[in-house]
Amino acid sequence: MDIKSLATGLEDFRATWKAVAAGKKVPRRTGTYFTSLEAARKVLTPKRLQLLRTIRRGQPDSLSQLARLLGRDFKNVHADVQALAAYGLISLRKTPAGRPTTVPRVPFSTIEFRIAV
């Protein structure tokens, strides 16, 4: 994860756009970026960090099981899972057999921040 100003993010986008328009091959970059440490803190609240740890350690088979492990309301857990999945911090897989369920996974063991100064 990186902290980048909006101006820096837009400049990176502009440079990539120009390279593509000029027919240059641009290496694929992936990652999650926030405009400030405060923005990252709004996403990675203490409850959401606990949720990530519980998924990583408990390997729940469903969002219902995750809510039970956390002792939290299913609706709130579902909302947090969806938010974290939108940032690429959780992967979600639907089970094909029987009653469909969503299986959450955390595809990493640490979160690191790089902050440009």
PDB file of N, CA and C in Angstrom:
ATOM      1  N   MET A   1       0.844  -1.168   0.000  1.00  0.00           N
ATOM      2  CA  MET A   1       0.000   0.000   0.000  1.00  0.00           C
ATOM      3  C   MET A   1       0.886   1.226   0.000  1.00  0.00           C
ATOM      4  N   ASP A   2       0.434   2.201  -0.707  1.00  0.00           N
ATOM      5  CA  ASP A   2       1.184   3.443  -0.795  1.00  0.00           C
ATOM      6  C   ASP A   2       0.294   4.613  -0.427  1.00  0.00           C
ATOM      7  N   ILE A   3       0.910   5.631   0.093  1.00  0.00           N
ATOM      8  CA  ILE A   3       0.250   6.908   0.317  1.00  0.00           C
ATOM      9  C   ILE A   3       0.790   7.853  -0.753  1.00  0.00           C
ATOM     10  N   LYS A   4      -0.099   8.327  -1.608  1.00  0.00           N
ATOM     11  CA  LYS A   4       0.285   9.254  -2.671  1.00  0.00           C
ATOM     12  C   LYS A   4      -0.673  10.421  -2.664  1.00  0.00           C
ATOM     13  N   SER A   5      -0.155  11.581  -2.921  1.00  0.00           N
ATOM     14  CA  SER A   5      -1.055  12.726  -3.055  1.00  0.00           C
ATOM     15  C   SER A   5      -1.882  12.539  -4.324  1.00  0.00           C
ATOM     16  N   LEU A   6      -3.000  13.225  -4.367  1.00  0.00           N
ATOM     17  CA  LEU A   6      -3.841  13.172  -5.548  1.00  0.00           C
ATOM     18  C   LEU A   6      -3.075  13.671  -6.770  1.00  0.00           C
ATOM     19  N   ALA A   7      -2.292  14.715  -6.587  1.00  0.00           N
ATOM     20  CA  ALA A   7      -1.505  15.271  -7.695  1.00  0.00           C
ATOM     21  C   ALA A   7      -0.519  14.240  -8.234  1.00  0.00           C
ATOM     22  N   THR A   8       0.146  13.506  -7.352  1.00  0.00           N
ATOM     23  CA  THR A   8       1.097  12.481  -7.772  1.00  0.00           C
ATOM     24  C   THR A   8       0.378  11.352  -8.515  1.00  0.00           C
ATOM     25  N   GLY A   9      -0.768  10.930  -7.995  1.00  0.00           N
ATOM     26  CA  GLY A   9      -1.543   9.883  -8.659  1.00  0.00           C
ATOM     27  C   GLY A   9      -1.990  10.300 -10.051  1.00  0.00           C
ATOM     28  N   LEU A  10      -2.431  11.538 -10.178  1.00  0.00           N
ATOM     29  CA  LEU A  10      -2.853  12.038 -11.488  1.00  0.00           C
ATOM     30  C   LEU A  10      -1.674  12.163 -12.452  1.00  0.00           C
ATOM     31  N   GLU A  11      -0.531  12.554 -11.939  1.00  0.00           N
ATOM     32  CA  GLU A  11       0.663  12.648 -12.785  1.00  0.00           C
ATOM     33  C   GLU A  11       1.081  11.259 -13.271  1.00  0.00           C
ATOM     34  N   ASP A  12       1.041  10.268 -12.400  1.00  0.00           N
ATOM     35  CA  ASP A  12       1.342   8.883 -12.805  1.00  0.00           C
ATOM     36  C   ASP A  12       0.374   8.428 -13.896  1.00  0.00           C
ATOM     37  N   PHE A  13      -0.907   8.728 -13.712  1.00  0.00           N
ATOM     38  CA  PHE A  13      -1.911   8.362 -14.706  1.00  0.00           C
ATOM     39  C   PHE A  13      -1.620   9.044 -16.043  1.00  0.00           C
ATOM     40  N   ARG A  14      -1.301  10.323 -16.003  1.00  0.00           N
ATOM     41  CA  ARG A  14      -1.026  11.086 -17.220  1.00  0.00           C
ATOM     42  C   ARG A  14       0.174  10.503 -17.968  1.00  0.00           C
ATOM     43  N   ALA A  15       1.225  10.165 -17.228  1.00  0.00           N
ATOM     44  CA  ALA A  15       2.418   9.595 -17.857  1.00  0.00           C
ATOM     45  C   ALA A  15       2.100   8.245 -18.504  1.00  0.00           C
ATOM     46  N   THR A  16       1.301   7.437 -17.823  1.00  0.00           N
ATOM     47  CA  THR A  16       0.909   6.134 -18.375  1.00  0.00           C
ATOM     48  C   THR A  16       0.054   6.325 -19.618  1.00  0.00           C
ATOM     49  N   TRP A  17      -0.894   7.243 -19.563  1.00  0.00           N
ATOM     50  CA  TRP A  17      -1.772   7.525 -20.703  1.00  0.00           C
ATOM     51  C   TRP A  17      -0.960   7.946 -21.918  1.00  0.00           C
ATOM     52  N   LYS A  18       0.017   8.829 -21.702  1.00  0.00           N
ATOM     53  CA  LYS A  18       0.859   9.301 -22.810  1.00  0.00           C
ATOM     54  C   LYS A  18       1.661   8.146 -23.413  1.00  0.00           C
ATOM     55  N   ALA A  19       2.197   7.295 -22.549  1.00  0.00           N
ATOM     56  CA  ALA A  19       2.985   6.163 -23.037  1.00  0.00           C
ATOM     57  C   ALA A  19       2.127   5.224 -23.873  1.00  0.00           C
ATOM     58  N   VAL A  20       0.924   4.933 -23.413  1.00  0.00           N
ATOM     59  CA  VAL A  20       0.015   4.051 -24.152  1.00  0.00           C
ATOM     60  C   VAL A  20      -0.369   4.696 -25.481  1.00  0.00           C
ATOM     61  N   ALA A  21      -0.670   5.998 -25.460  1.00  0.00           N
ATOM     62  CA  ALA A  21      -1.048   6.720 -26.682  1.00  0.00           C
ATOM     63  C   ALA A  21       0.090   6.732 -27.697  1.00  0.00           C
ATOM     64  N   ALA A  22       1.326   6.705 -27.205  1.00  0.00           N
ATOM     65  CA  ALA A  22       2.486   6.689 -28.088  1.00  0.00           C
ATOM     66  C   ALA A  22       2.840   5.276 -28.548  1.00  0.00           C
ATOM     67  N   GLY A  23       2.045   4.290 -28.127  1.00  0.00           N
ATOM     68  CA  GLY A  23       2.288   2.917 -28.551  1.00  0.00           C
ATOM     69  C   GLY A  23       3.350   2.188 -27.751  1.00  0.00           C
ATOM     70  N   LYS A  24       3.771   2.768 -26.651  1.00  0.00           N
ATOM     71  CA  LYS A  24       4.782   2.117 -25.815  1.00  0.00           C
ATOM     72  C   LYS A  24       4.134   1.061 -24.937  1.00  0.00           C
ATOM     73  N   LYS A  25       4.909   0.027 -24.642  1.00  0.00           N
ATOM     74  CA  LYS A  25       4.438  -1.016 -23.746  1.00  0.00           C
ATOM     75  C   LYS A  25       4.621  -0.516 -22.313  1.00  0.00           C
ATOM     76  N   VAL A  26       3.563  -0.582 -21.544  1.00  0.00           N
ATOM     77  CA  VAL A  26       3.592  -0.092 -20.169  1.00  0.00           C
ATOM     78  C   VAL A  26       3.476  -1.295 -19.244  1.00  0.00           C
ATOM     79  N   PRO A  27       4.424  -1.450 -18.318  1.00  0.00           N
ATOM     80  CA  PRO A  27       4.335  -2.583 -17.393  1.00  0.00           C
ATOM     81  C   PRO A  27       3.114  -2.449 -16.489  1.00  0.00           C
ATOM     82  N   ARG A  28       2.487  -3.572 -16.216  1.00  0.00           N
ATOM     83  CA  ARG A  28       1.313  -3.576 -15.353  1.00  0.00           C
ATOM     84  C   ARG A  28       1.739  -3.284 -13.922  1.00  0.00           C
ATOM     85  N   ARG A  29       1.007  -2.375 -13.290  1.00  0.00           N
ATOM     86  CA  ARG A  29       1.249  -2.057 -11.881  1.00  0.00           C
ATOM     87  C   ARG A  29      -0.045  -2.301 -11.115  1.00  0.00           C
ATOM     88  N   THR A  30       0.086  -2.948  -9.996  1.00  0.00           N
ATOM     89  CA  THR A  30      -1.078  -3.150  -9.139  1.00  0.00           C
ATOM     90  C   THR A  30      -0.742  -2.636  -7.755  1.00  0.00           C
ATOM     91  N   GLY A  31      -1.763  -2.336  -7.028  1.00  0.00           N
ATOM     92  CA  GLY A  31      -1.557  -1.874  -5.668  1.00  0.00           C
ATOM     93  C   GLY A  31      -2.762  -1.109  -5.177  1.00  0.00           C
ATOM     94  N   THR A  32      -2.718  -0.786  -3.925  1.00  0.00           N
ATOM     95  CA  THR A  32      -3.752   0.008  -3.302  1.00  0.00           C
ATOM     96  C   THR A  32      -3.107   1.299  -2.851  1.00  0.00           C
ATOM     97  N   TYR A  33      -3.716   2.401  -3.233  1.00  0.00           N
ATOM     98  CA  TYR A  33      -3.158   3.712  -2.927  1.00  0.00           C
ATOM     99  C   TYR A  33      -4.169   4.554  -2.175  1.00  0.00           C
ATOM    100  N   PHE A  34      -3.685   5.292  -1.210  1.00  0.00           N
ATOM    101  CA  PHE A  34      -4.502   6.233  -0.457  1.00  0.00           C
ATOM    102  C   PHE A  34      -3.870   7.607  -0.595  1.00  0.00           C
ATOM    103  N   THR A  35      -4.701   8.640  -0.511  1.00  0.00           N
ATOM    104  CA  THR A  35      -4.188  10.005  -0.657  1.00  0.00           C
ATOM    105  C   THR A  35      -3.576  10.537   0.625  1.00  0.00           C
ATOM    106  N   SER A  36      -3.849   9.876   1.743  1.00  0.00           N
ATOM    107  CA  SER A  36      -3.275  10.309   3.016  1.00  0.00           C
ATOM    108  C   SER A  36      -3.332   9.160   4.010  1.00  0.00           C
ATOM    109  N   LEU A  37      -2.570   9.297   5.066  1.00  0.00           N
ATOM    110  CA  LEU A  37      -2.604   8.301   6.133  1.00  0.00           C
ATOM    111  C   LEU A  37      -3.991   8.285   6.782  1.00  0.00           C
ATOM    112  N   GLU A  38      -4.617   9.440   6.868  1.00  0.00           N
ATOM    113  CA  GLU A  38      -5.964   9.525   7.434  1.00  0.00           C
ATOM    114  C   GLU A  38      -6.964   8.735   6.587  1.00  0.00           C
ATOM    115  N   ALA A  39      -6.826   8.805   5.269  1.00  0.00           N
ATOM    116  CA  ALA A  39      -7.709   8.039   4.375  1.00  0.00           C
ATOM    117  C   ALA A  39      -7.504   6.535   4.589  1.00  0.00           C
ATOM    118  N   ALA A  40      -6.267   6.113   4.769  1.00  0.00           N
ATOM    119  CA  ALA A  40      -5.986   4.698   5.027  1.00  0.00           C
ATOM    120  C   ALA A  40      -6.592   4.265   6.360  1.00  0.00           C
ATOM    121  N   ARG A  41      -6.503   5.130   7.362  1.00  0.00           N
ATOM    122  CA  ARG A  41      -7.073   4.809   8.682  1.00  0.00           C
ATOM    123  C   ARG A  41      -8.587   4.675   8.633  1.00  0.00           C
ATOM    124  N   LYS A  42      -9.238   5.417   7.736  1.00  0.00           N
ATOM    125  CA  LYS A  42     -10.696   5.304   7.603  1.00  0.00           C
ATOM    126  C   LYS A  42     -11.088   3.952   7.032  1.00  0.00           C
ATOM    127  N   VAL A  43     -10.239   3.388   6.191  1.00  0.00           N
ATOM    128  CA  VAL A  43     -10.516   2.068   5.615  1.00  0.00           C
ATOM    129  C   VAL A  43     -10.081   0.967   6.580  1.00  0.00           C
ATOM    130  N   LEU A  44      -8.908   1.104   7.161  1.00  0.00           N
ATOM    131  CA  LEU A  44      -8.353   0.069   8.032  1.00  0.00           C
ATOM    132  C   LEU A  44      -8.631   0.401   9.496  1.00  0.00           C
ATOM    133  N   THR A  45      -9.908   0.363   9.848  1.00  0.00           N
ATOM    134  CA  THR A  45     -10.319   0.614  11.229  1.00  0.00           C
ATOM    135  C   THR A  45      -9.900  -0.570  12.098  1.00  0.00           C
ATOM    136  N   PRO A  46      -9.882  -0.405  13.423  1.00  0.00           N
ATOM    137  CA  PRO A  46      -9.547  -1.540  14.292  1.00  0.00           C
ATOM    138  C   PRO A  46     -10.435  -2.764  14.052  1.00  0.00           C
ATOM    139  N   LYS A  47     -11.738  -2.572  13.851  1.00  0.00           N
ATOM    140  CA  LYS A  47     -12.634  -3.722  13.606  1.00  0.00           C
ATOM    141  C   LYS A  47     -12.313  -4.403  12.280  1.00  0.00           C
ATOM    142  N   ARG A  48     -11.969  -3.624  11.271  1.00  0.00           N
ATOM    143  CA  ARG A  48     -11.624  -4.228   9.977  1.00  0.00           C
ATOM    144  C   ARG A  48     -10.286  -4.944  10.034  1.00  0.00           C
ATOM    145  N   LEU A  49      -9.335  -4.427  10.790  1.00  0.00           N
ATOM    146  CA  LEU A  49      -8.061  -5.135  10.967  1.00  0.00           C
ATOM    147  C   LEU A  49      -8.295  -6.452  11.711  1.00  0.00           C
ATOM    148  N   GLN A  50      -9.163  -6.428  12.716  1.00  0.00           N
ATOM    149  CA  GLN A  50      -9.512  -7.658  13.427  1.00  0.00           C
ATOM    150  C   GLN A  50     -10.167  -8.648  12.471  1.00  0.00           C
ATOM    151  N   LEU A  51     -11.024  -8.142  11.598  1.00  0.00           N
ATOM    152  CA  LEU A  51     -11.688  -8.981  10.601  1.00  0.00           C
ATOM    153  C   LEU A  51     -10.651  -9.641   9.687  1.00  0.00           C
ATOM    154  N   LEU A  52      -9.683  -8.867   9.201  1.00  0.00           N
ATOM    155  CA  LEU A  52      -8.626  -9.420   8.347  1.00  0.00           C
ATOM    156  C   LEU A  52      -7.858 -10.520   9.076  1.00  0.00           C
ATOM    157  N   ARG A  53      -7.504 -10.261  10.324  1.00  0.00           N
ATOM    158  CA  ARG A  53      -6.753 -11.266  11.108  1.00  0.00           C
ATOM    159  C   ARG A  53      -7.583 -12.528  11.328  1.00  0.00           C
ATOM    160  N   THR A  54      -8.866 -12.350  11.587  1.00  0.00           N
ATOM    161  CA  THR A  54      -9.739 -13.506  11.825  1.00  0.00           C
ATOM    162  C   THR A  54      -9.882 -14.350  10.568  1.00  0.00           C
ATOM    163  N   ILE A  55     -10.010 -13.710   9.429  1.00  0.00           N
ATOM    164  CA  ILE A  55     -10.079 -14.470   8.170  1.00  0.00           C
ATOM    165  C   ILE A  55      -8.770 -15.220   7.958  1.00  0.00           C
ATOM    166  N   ARG A  56      -7.668 -14.535   8.143  1.00  0.00           N
ATOM    167  CA  ARG A  56      -6.344 -15.133   7.908  1.00  0.00           C
ATOM    168  C   ARG A  56      -6.114 -16.333   8.819  1.00  0.00           C
ATOM    169  N   ARG A  57      -6.427 -16.181  10.079  1.00  0.00           N
ATOM    170  CA  ARG A  57      -6.145 -17.248  11.057  1.00  0.00           C
ATOM    171  C   ARG A  57      -7.235 -18.311  11.106  1.00  0.00           C
ATOM    172  N   GLY A  58      -8.518 -17.875  11.023  1.00  0.00           N
ATOM    173  CA  GLY A  58      -9.629 -18.802  11.204  1.00  0.00           C
ATOM    174  C   GLY A  58     -10.079 -19.505   9.947  1.00  0.00           C
ATOM    175  N   GLN A  59      -9.741 -18.955   8.760  1.00  0.00           N
ATOM    176  CA  GLN A  59     -10.137 -19.548   7.487  1.00  0.00           C
ATOM    177  C   GLN A  59     -11.622 -19.922   7.471  1.00  0.00           C
ATOM    178  N   PRO A  60     -12.516 -18.957   7.752  1.00  0.00           N
ATOM    179  CA  PRO A  60     -13.953 -19.294   7.792  1.00  0.00           C
ATOM    180  C   PRO A  60     -14.461 -19.738   6.420  1.00  0.00           C
ATOM    181  N   ASP A  61     -15.466 -20.615   6.456  1.00  0.00           N
ATOM    182  CA  ASP A  61     -16.044 -21.160   5.228  1.00  0.00           C
ATOM    183  C   ASP A  61     -17.180 -20.311   4.679  1.00  0.00           C
ATOM    184  N   SER A  62     -17.559 -19.257   5.405  1.00  0.00           N
ATOM    185  CA  SER A  62     -18.648 -18.394   4.955  1.00  0.00           C
ATOM    186  C   SER A  62     -18.595 -17.081   5.721  1.00  0.00           C
ATOM    187  N   LEU A  63     -19.350 -16.109   5.228  1.00  0.00           N
ATOM    188  CA  LEU A  63     -19.444 -14.836   5.940  1.00  0.00           C
ATOM    189  C   LEU A  63     -20.220 -15.002   7.236  1.00  0.00           C
ATOM    190  N   SER A  64     -21.168 -15.923   7.271  1.00  0.00           N
ATOM    191  CA  SER A  64     -21.905 -16.204   8.510  1.00  0.00           C
ATOM    192  C   SER A  64     -20.964 -16.733   9.587  1.00  0.00           C
ATOM    193  N   GLN A  65     -20.101 -17.660   9.186  1.00  0.00           N
ATOM    194  CA  GLN A  65     -19.142 -18.209  10.142  1.00  0.00           C
ATOM    195  C   GLN A  65     -18.171 -17.121  10.601  1.00  0.00           C
ATOM    196  N   LEU A  66     -17.771 -16.249   9.701  1.00  0.00           N
ATOM    197  CA  LEU A  66     -16.892 -15.140  10.061  1.00  0.00           C
ATOM    198  C   LEU A  66     -17.572 -14.237  11.089  1.00  0.00           C
ATOM    199  N   ALA A  67     -18.831 -13.910  10.865  1.00  0.00           N
ATOM    200  CA  ALA A  67     -19.568 -13.066  11.819  1.00  0.00           C
ATOM    201  C   ALA A  67     -19.627 -13.728  13.194  1.00  0.00           C
ATOM    202  N   ARG A  68     -19.853 -15.045  13.218  1.00  0.00           N
ATOM    203  CA  ARG A  68     -19.875 -15.762  14.502  1.00  0.00           C
ATOM    204  C   ARG A  68     -18.516 -15.727  15.182  1.00  0.00           C
ATOM    205  N   LEU A  69     -17.443 -15.942  14.411  1.00  0.00           N
ATOM    206  CA  LEU A  69     -16.089 -15.904  14.993  1.00  0.00           C
ATOM    207  C   LEU A  69     -15.774 -14.535  15.598  1.00  0.00           C
ATOM    208  N   LEU A  70     -16.283 -13.495  14.945  1.00  0.00           N
ATOM    209  CA  LEU A  70     -16.029 -12.135  15.412  1.00  0.00           C
ATOM    210  C   LEU A  70     -16.997 -11.697  16.509  1.00  0.00           C
ATOM    211  N   GLY A  71     -18.125 -12.395  16.627  1.00  0.00           N
ATOM    212  CA  GLY A  71     -19.150 -11.976  17.582  1.00  0.00           C
ATOM    213  C   GLY A  71     -19.812 -10.677  17.154  1.00  0.00           C
ATOM    214  N   ARG A  72     -19.949 -10.503  15.833  1.00  0.00           N
ATOM    215  CA  ARG A  72     -20.528  -9.273  15.278  1.00  0.00           C
ATOM    216  C   ARG A  72     -21.755  -9.597  14.439  1.00  0.00           C
ATOM    217  N   ASP A  73     -22.568  -8.603  14.204  1.00  0.00           N
ATOM    218  CA  ASP A  73     -23.752  -8.719  13.367  1.00  0.00           C
ATOM    219  C   ASP A  73     -23.352  -9.022  11.926  1.00  0.00           C
ATOM    220  N   PHE A  74     -24.064  -9.958  11.292  1.00  0.00           N
ATOM    221  CA  PHE A  74     -23.751 -10.359   9.919  1.00  0.00           C
ATOM    222  C   PHE A  74     -23.762  -9.172   8.966  1.00  0.00           C
ATOM    223  N   LYS A  75     -24.767  -8.318   9.073  1.00  0.00           N
ATOM    224  CA  LYS A  75     -24.900  -7.174   8.156  1.00  0.00           C
ATOM    225  C   LYS A  75     -23.658  -6.276   8.206  1.00  0.00           C
ATOM    226  N   ASN A  76     -23.152  -5.997   9.402  1.00  0.00           N
ATOM    227  CA  ASN A  76     -21.967  -5.145   9.537  1.00  0.00           C
ATOM    228  C   ASN A  76     -20.711  -5.843   9.026  1.00  0.00           C
ATOM    229  N   VAL A  77     -20.604  -7.136   9.285  1.00  0.00           N
ATOM    230  CA  VAL A  77     -19.461  -7.901   8.781  1.00  0.00           C
ATOM    231  C   VAL A  77     -19.496  -7.919   7.255  1.00  0.00           C
ATOM    232  N   HIS A  78     -20.669  -8.147   6.686  1.00  0.00           N
ATOM    233  CA  HIS A  78     -20.806  -8.171   5.229  1.00  0.00           C
ATOM    234  C   HIS A  78     -20.376  -6.835   4.623  1.00  0.00           C
ATOM    235  N   ALA A  79     -20.807  -5.729   5.223  1.00  0.00           N
ATOM    236  CA  ALA A  79     -20.432  -4.399   4.716  1.00  0.00           C
ATOM    237  C   ALA A  79     -18.922  -4.187   4.792  1.00  0.00           C
ATOM    238  N   ASP A  80     -18.308  -4.598   5.890  1.00  0.00           N
ATOM    239  CA  ASP A  80     -16.851  -4.449   6.024  1.00  0.00           C
ATOM    240  C   ASP A  80     -16.112  -5.331   5.022  1.00  0.00           C
ATOM    241  N   VAL A  81     -16.587  -6.551   4.825  1.00  0.00           N
ATOM    242  CA  VAL A  81     -15.956  -7.459   3.860  1.00  0.00           C
ATOM    243  C   VAL A  81     -16.039  -6.864   2.457  1.00  0.00           C
ATOM    244  N   GLN A  82     -17.196  -6.338   2.091  1.00  0.00           N
ATOM    245  CA  GLN A  82     -17.353  -5.751   0.759  1.00  0.00           C
ATOM    246  C   GLN A  82     -16.425  -4.549   0.575  1.00  0.00           C
ATOM    247  N   ALA A  83     -16.306  -3.717   1.601  1.00  0.00           N
ATOM    248  CA  ALA A  83     -15.420  -2.549   1.513  1.00  0.00           C
ATOM    249  C   ALA A  83     -13.970  -2.987   1.349  1.00  0.00           C
ATOM    250  N   LEU A  84     -13.536  -3.954   2.140  1.00  0.00           N
ATOM    251  CA  LEU A  84     -12.144  -4.419   2.061  1.00  0.00           C
ATOM    252  C   LEU A  84     -11.884  -5.154   0.743  1.00  0.00           C
ATOM    253  N   ALA A  85     -12.869  -5.862   0.235  1.00  0.00           N
ATOM    254  CA  ALA A  85     -12.719  -6.539  -1.061  1.00  0.00           C
ATOM    255  C   ALA A  85     -12.579  -5.508  -2.175  1.00  0.00           C
ATOM    256  N   ALA A  86     -13.294  -4.396  -2.079  1.00  0.00           N
ATOM    257  CA  ALA A  86     -13.202  -3.345  -3.098  1.00  0.00           C
ATOM    258  C   ALA A  86     -11.788  -2.760  -3.163  1.00  0.00           C
ATOM    259  N   TYR A  87     -11.072  -2.777  -2.057  1.00  0.00           N
ATOM    260  CA  TYR A  87      -9.691  -2.293  -2.028  1.00  0.00           C
ATOM    261  C   TYR A  87      -8.680  -3.400  -2.325  1.00  0.00           C
ATOM    262  N   GLY A  88      -9.161  -4.606  -2.602  1.00  0.00           N
ATOM    263  CA  GLY A  88      -8.258  -5.713  -2.913  1.00  0.00           C
ATOM    264  C   GLY A  88      -7.615  -6.341  -1.696  1.00  0.00           C
ATOM    265  N   LEU A  89      -8.178  -6.082  -0.518  1.00  0.00           N
ATOM    266  CA  LEU A  89      -7.589  -6.609   0.707  1.00  0.00           C
ATOM    267  C   LEU A  89      -8.171  -7.966   1.102  1.00  0.00           C
ATOM    268  N   ILE A  90      -9.287  -8.324   0.490  1.00  0.00           N
ATOM    269  CA  ILE A  90      -9.925  -9.620   0.717  1.00  0.00           C
ATOM    270  C   ILE A  90     -10.326 -10.174  -0.649  1.00  0.00           C
ATOM    271  N   SER A  91     -10.106 -11.479  -0.844  1.00  0.00           N
ATOM    272  CA  SER A  91     -10.636 -12.125  -2.046  1.00  0.00           C
ATOM    273  C   SER A  91     -11.883 -12.896  -1.630  1.00  0.00           C
ATOM    274  N   LEU A  92     -12.868 -12.919  -2.515  1.00  0.00           N
ATOM    275  CA  LEU A  92     -14.125 -13.609  -2.244  1.00  0.00           C
ATOM    276  C   LEU A  92     -14.355 -14.665  -3.308  1.00  0.00           C
ATOM    277  N   ARG A  93     -14.705 -15.866  -2.859  1.00  0.00           N
ATOM    278  CA  ARG A  93     -14.959 -16.970  -3.782  1.00  0.00           C
ATOM    279  C   ARG A  93     -16.325 -17.548  -3.464  1.00  0.00           C
ATOM    280  N   LYS A  94     -17.127 -17.739  -4.485  1.00  0.00           N
ATOM    281  CA  LYS A  94     -18.449 -18.363  -4.318  1.00  0.00           C
ATOM    282  C   LYS A  94     -18.283 -19.868  -4.408  1.00  0.00           C
ATOM    283  N   THR A  95     -18.944 -20.596  -3.510  1.00  0.00           N
ATOM    284  CA  THR A  95     -18.904 -22.051  -3.567  1.00  0.00           C
ATOM    285  C   THR A  95     -19.908 -22.535  -4.603  1.00  0.00           C
ATOM    286  N   PRO A  96     -19.526 -23.520  -5.396  1.00  0.00           N
ATOM    287  CA  PRO A  96     -20.409 -23.976  -6.472  1.00  0.00           C
ATOM    288  C   PRO A  96     -21.462 -24.988  -6.030  1.00  0.00           C
ATOM    289  N   ALA A  97     -21.196 -25.741  -5.000  1.00  0.00           N
ATOM    290  CA  ALA A  97     -22.089 -26.841  -4.643  1.00  0.00           C
ATOM    291  C   ALA A  97     -23.083 -26.434  -3.557  1.00  0.00           C
ATOM    292  N   GLY A  98     -24.244 -27.079  -3.581  1.00  0.00           N
ATOM    293  CA  GLY A  98     -25.245 -26.848  -2.546  1.00  0.00           C
ATOM    294  C   GLY A  98     -25.718 -25.410  -2.522  1.00  0.00           C
ATOM    295  N   ARG A  99     -25.996 -24.942  -1.332  1.00  0.00           N
ATOM    296  CA  ARG A  99     -26.421 -23.546  -1.163  1.00  0.00           C
ATOM    297  C   ARG A  99     -25.211 -22.644  -1.353  1.00  0.00           C
ATOM    298  N   PRO A 100     -25.280 -21.688  -2.275  1.00  0.00           N
ATOM    299  CA  PRO A 100     -24.117 -20.843  -2.543  1.00  0.00           C
ATOM    300  C   PRO A 100     -23.706 -20.027  -1.311  1.00  0.00           C
ATOM    301  N   THR A 101     -22.432 -20.027  -1.032  1.00  0.00           N
ATOM    302  CA  THR A 101     -21.890 -19.215   0.055  1.00  0.00           C
ATOM    303  C   THR A 101     -20.664 -18.471  -0.462  1.00  0.00           C
ATOM    304  N   THR A 102     -20.314 -17.417   0.218  1.00  0.00           N
ATOM    305  CA  THR A 102     -19.132 -16.634  -0.128  1.00  0.00           C
ATOM    306  C   THR A 102     -18.042 -16.944   0.880  1.00  0.00           C
ATOM    307  N   VAL A 103     -16.895 -17.376   0.377  1.00  0.00           N
ATOM    308  CA  VAL A 103     -15.762 -17.725   1.233  1.00  0.00           C
ATOM    309  C   VAL A 103     -14.735 -16.595   1.150  1.00  0.00           C
ATOM    310  N   PRO A 104     -14.463 -15.918   2.285  1.00  0.00           N
ATOM    311  CA  PRO A 104     -13.471 -14.838   2.276  1.00  0.00           C
ATOM    312  C   PRO A 104     -12.070 -15.366   2.549  1.00  0.00           C
ATOM    313  N   ARG A 105     -11.098 -14.763   1.911  1.00  0.00           N
ATOM    314  CA  ARG A 105      -9.695 -15.091   2.158  1.00  0.00           C
ATOM    315  C   ARG A 105      -8.875 -13.810   2.112  1.00  0.00           C
ATOM    316  N   VAL A 106      -7.820 -13.795   2.892  1.00  0.00           N
ATOM    317  CA  VAL A 106      -6.857 -12.690   2.879  1.00  0.00           C
ATOM    318  C   VAL A 106      -5.610 -13.240   2.197  1.00  0.00           C
ATOM    319  N   PRO A 107      -5.274 -12.727   0.998  1.00  0.00           N
ATOM    320  CA  PRO A 107      -4.201 -13.317   0.194  1.00  0.00           C
ATOM    321  C   PRO A 107      -2.791 -12.849   0.562  1.00  0.00           C
ATOM    322  N   PHE A 108      -2.579 -12.399   1.777  1.00  0.00           N
ATOM    323  CA  PHE A 108      -1.256 -11.941   2.198  1.00  0.00           C
ATOM    324  C   PHE A 108      -1.153 -12.062   3.707  1.00  0.00           C
ATOM    325  N   SER A 109       0.045 -11.944   4.239  1.00  0.00           N
ATOM    326  CA  SER A 109       0.225 -12.070   5.687  1.00  0.00           C
ATOM    327  C   SER A 109       0.578 -10.750   6.369  1.00  0.00           C
ATOM    328  N   THR A 110       0.958  -9.742   5.592  1.00  0.00           N
ATOM    329  CA  THR A 110       1.279  -8.439   6.167  1.00  0.00           C
ATOM    330  C   THR A 110       0.767  -7.327   5.261  1.00  0.00           C
ATOM    331  N   ILE A 111       0.566  -6.184   5.855  1.00  0.00           N
ATOM    332  CA  ILE A 111       0.235  -4.970   5.110  1.00  0.00           C
ATOM    333  C   ILE A 111       1.361  -3.987   5.392  1.00  0.00           C
ATOM    334  N   GLU A 112       1.971  -3.498   4.338  1.00  0.00           N
ATOM    335  CA  GLU A 112       3.046  -2.525   4.491  1.00  0.00           C
ATOM    336  C   GLU A 112       2.646  -1.215   3.834  1.00  0.00           C
ATOM    337  N   PHE A 113       3.027  -0.131   4.456  1.00  0.00           N
ATOM    338  CA  PHE A 113       2.774   1.186   3.889  1.00  0.00           C
ATOM    339  C   PHE A 113       4.081   1.806   3.461  1.00  0.00           C
ATOM    340  N   ARG A 114       4.055   2.431   2.305  1.00  0.00           N
ATOM    341  CA  ARG A 114       5.176   3.244   1.853  1.00  0.00           C
ATOM    342  C   ARG A 114       4.642   4.649   1.716  1.00  0.00           C
ATOM    343  N   ILE A 115       5.278   5.561   2.401  1.00  0.00           N
ATOM    344  CA  ILE A 115       4.819   6.935   2.396  1.00  0.00           C
ATOM    345  C   ILE A 115       5.925   7.819   1.819  1.00  0.00           C
ATOM    346  N   ALA A 116       5.601   8.460   0.692  1.00  0.00           N
ATOM    347  CA  ALA A 116       6.563   9.357   0.084  1.00  0.00           C
ATOM    348  C   ALA A 116       6.667  10.642   0.913  1.00  0.00           C
ATOM    349  N   VAL A 117       7.872  11.116   1.101  1.00  0.00           N
ATOM    350  CA  VAL A 117       8.061  12.362   1.866  1.00  0.00           C
ATOM    351  C   VAL A 117       8.639  13.432   0.984  1.00  0.00           C
TER     352      VAL A 117
END
